[in-house]
Amino acid sequence: MLLSDLFLSLSILAGLLDSVTYEQLERFIQLTTNLRNDILSAQPCDHDPTIPPVQLSDHQRFFLAHVCDIDLTYIDQCWTAVKDIVWFQKYDQTCRFNDQDFLAWNDGHDFELSGQTLWPPVRHCSNPPCNNTKLLRERHGLRKVILFTLSNGARATYAAQLTCTACNTTYYPNYQVWNHFRQYYDGFPDAIQVAEHHYMERALVDLFIGQILMSWSSASNCARLYNSVLSNPNSRPKHPSWTERSFNLSAEHIWDSFTIMALLKRCERQQAPLFVPHTGEQRDRFTTTMQICNDEIAKHGSENLYHFCDKCRLVKEVDGEYRQIQALVADGICIGRPRCAYQMETCEQPLASNSLRFCESHLAEVETCVVVGCLAPSGNGCLTCDDPSHRRLEKNRQIRGKACSGPEHSNQSTTFVHDDKHLESTFSNGCEADKSEDGPKLKAIFGRLRTHAELVFHCPCGIMVKRATCYKAESLCQMTELLFWFHSHGFLPEVMFYDNNCRLYRYLAKRFPDFKDMLALPVDVFHWKTKHKKSDDICSYECSPYSFPELRGPEDGSWAFNSSIAEQNNVWLGGYHSILREMSAVKYDFFLNEIIRLKNQLTLSKLSPYHPGNLHF
């Protein structure tokens, strides 16, 4: 709108130019711009949302008259003069997170008006079977919510839910609900719902994800940082209706925001909507979808599975033909999570709760003696059976749990391996003087067990392409299964560096001799120099990196591949040890998959000079 048109609109309204100042009119435009969704929601259901309403609702008029200090009789005239400016100007949605008129919006709570009110991004029903073309209606009023922002702290505001009167689909700021399922809208919302009455600004979510990725910050520490430094208590309303509302950000809020953003990004890559149940507890809402993501990655591999670049692929001319050498580096890292304590075999079923010792399939084992190999029932409120030596183990555990150590226990040989009261403990059967030299030793598992390690496959450039959980120690059998997995997916490398390749070579030579000849199995240079016997034929010939001149660069003869990349990446991955140790199985796998994907993105951003690509994915 031209200034001449605005002046004409103001001048034809009787008394307006002589009664309203420029500052008042500017404030009126600013506030009504922030209230466009509120203004539209008060219109009849057949109103055309592309046309500015003729008048404002009563509570909006009273609010504007109060905070703009304009006589109520001139509010309608002000709206008539500037409604086209308000309705048609480009409106940056992020500006509603940066309002500085705290006193005005504090007064707005009397009218349920806020500059940060969260609205669904749609105004008409988008449910395909529904033909309703009328405006969605607000049935249950606005809900009071806390919006955690990056620049302005924890803000008291409102969230709207709109309902289609024809099909009863309900539209929330982040998703629509139909038939007890949430379908998230395409794209990424400005504010992410992390609890029923709590939202987080997307910029804040991105900050916390960056902290977790780059500085190994736990969700608890991120929450403490926000509540101590960024929450801005002065921005909290003085209105009595908000006194009991929680303005503290919790670790659960941060984990949910991490999960939701990861799922939304996955859906964007797959060009599919995100569906989760609308009913049930918030902590269980995303579990099924997370498990689906975990299963897909375990079955098909990550998006970087077929990565290549000049740092992990070597092209050489042999007999007039160009041949490529693709390399991977495998290594384990001792990070893990709680797992089932079933004794007879390795159980991979997840625990229903980390406070339990057994999975649902083995809950009956709670009534069995905890001594390894003993199948007698426990009794009398104890974890062991009636065998005196077994009871003595439990008594010793209780004594040491209370940090008591008397003379009668000082000579007993007892070994503990534990992180807390639930974890594994291993004991001998009592005083060394009370048994023969070769007497049997007893082991007891009083709590949960833990997975042993993660076996991770790295490209020499730093990209991590595959991982697998080792429930016990790293095994040659599991390593072989993973090599066959790579082969079945068309990405068996020509060279596989692994610090235990000498034993792996013997294992393959005995069981899969043809498969052994499909790839070279050198030990990385550092391990070969320091930890392998030079007198052993396998170590000194079949697995020596010096036996493969193809691994040398064409120019200066230096090593073409960084075979120590696994140790370098494991330093970064090991920083999450304390964060991962109490995660559930589903959350553990989902977090590792996502944090590795984010780390790979950072690595890829530095590989542009090395011509990165992706063969198939």
Foldseek 3Di string as FASTA:
>chain_A
DDPVLLVVLQVVPPPRVVFADPQLLVVLLVQVLLCLVVQVQPDDQADDLLDFDQAGDPLVLVLSCVVSVGPSVCSSSSCSSCVCVSRPDDDDLCVLVVDDPLVSQLVCVVSQDGSNEFEAPDQADPDVVDDDGTGFHFDPDWAWAWEAEQAAAIAIHTWTWTADPPQGWITTRAFIDDPQKTWGDADDGQWDDLDPRYIYGVVLLVVVLVCCQPPVDALANSQVCCVVPPRNPVSYHPDPVCPPPDRGDHSSSSLSSVVVVLVSVVCVVVVHIDMWGNDDDSVCTCLVVLVVVLVCCQQQWDPCQQKDFQQQKDWDADPNDIDIFGEKEKDKFFFKAWAAPDQPDQDPDWDPAQQARHRPVPPVCQQAAQKRPGGHGPDPPDNHHPDVLSVVVVVVVVCVVVVHDDPQQPQAFFAQDDDDPAFAGFGFRTHPVVDDPPDDGITGGRHTYIFGIKMWMARLLQQTIDIDTHNYDDDLVVVVVVLVSCVVNVHNGQEYEYLPLLVNLVVCCVPPVVVSVSHQYAHDPVSLVPPDDCPDPSSVARHHPVNDQVQADPPPRHGSGNNCSVVVVSVSVVSNRVVLHHDIPSSNSSVVSVSSVVVNVVSVVVCVVRPMDGDPD
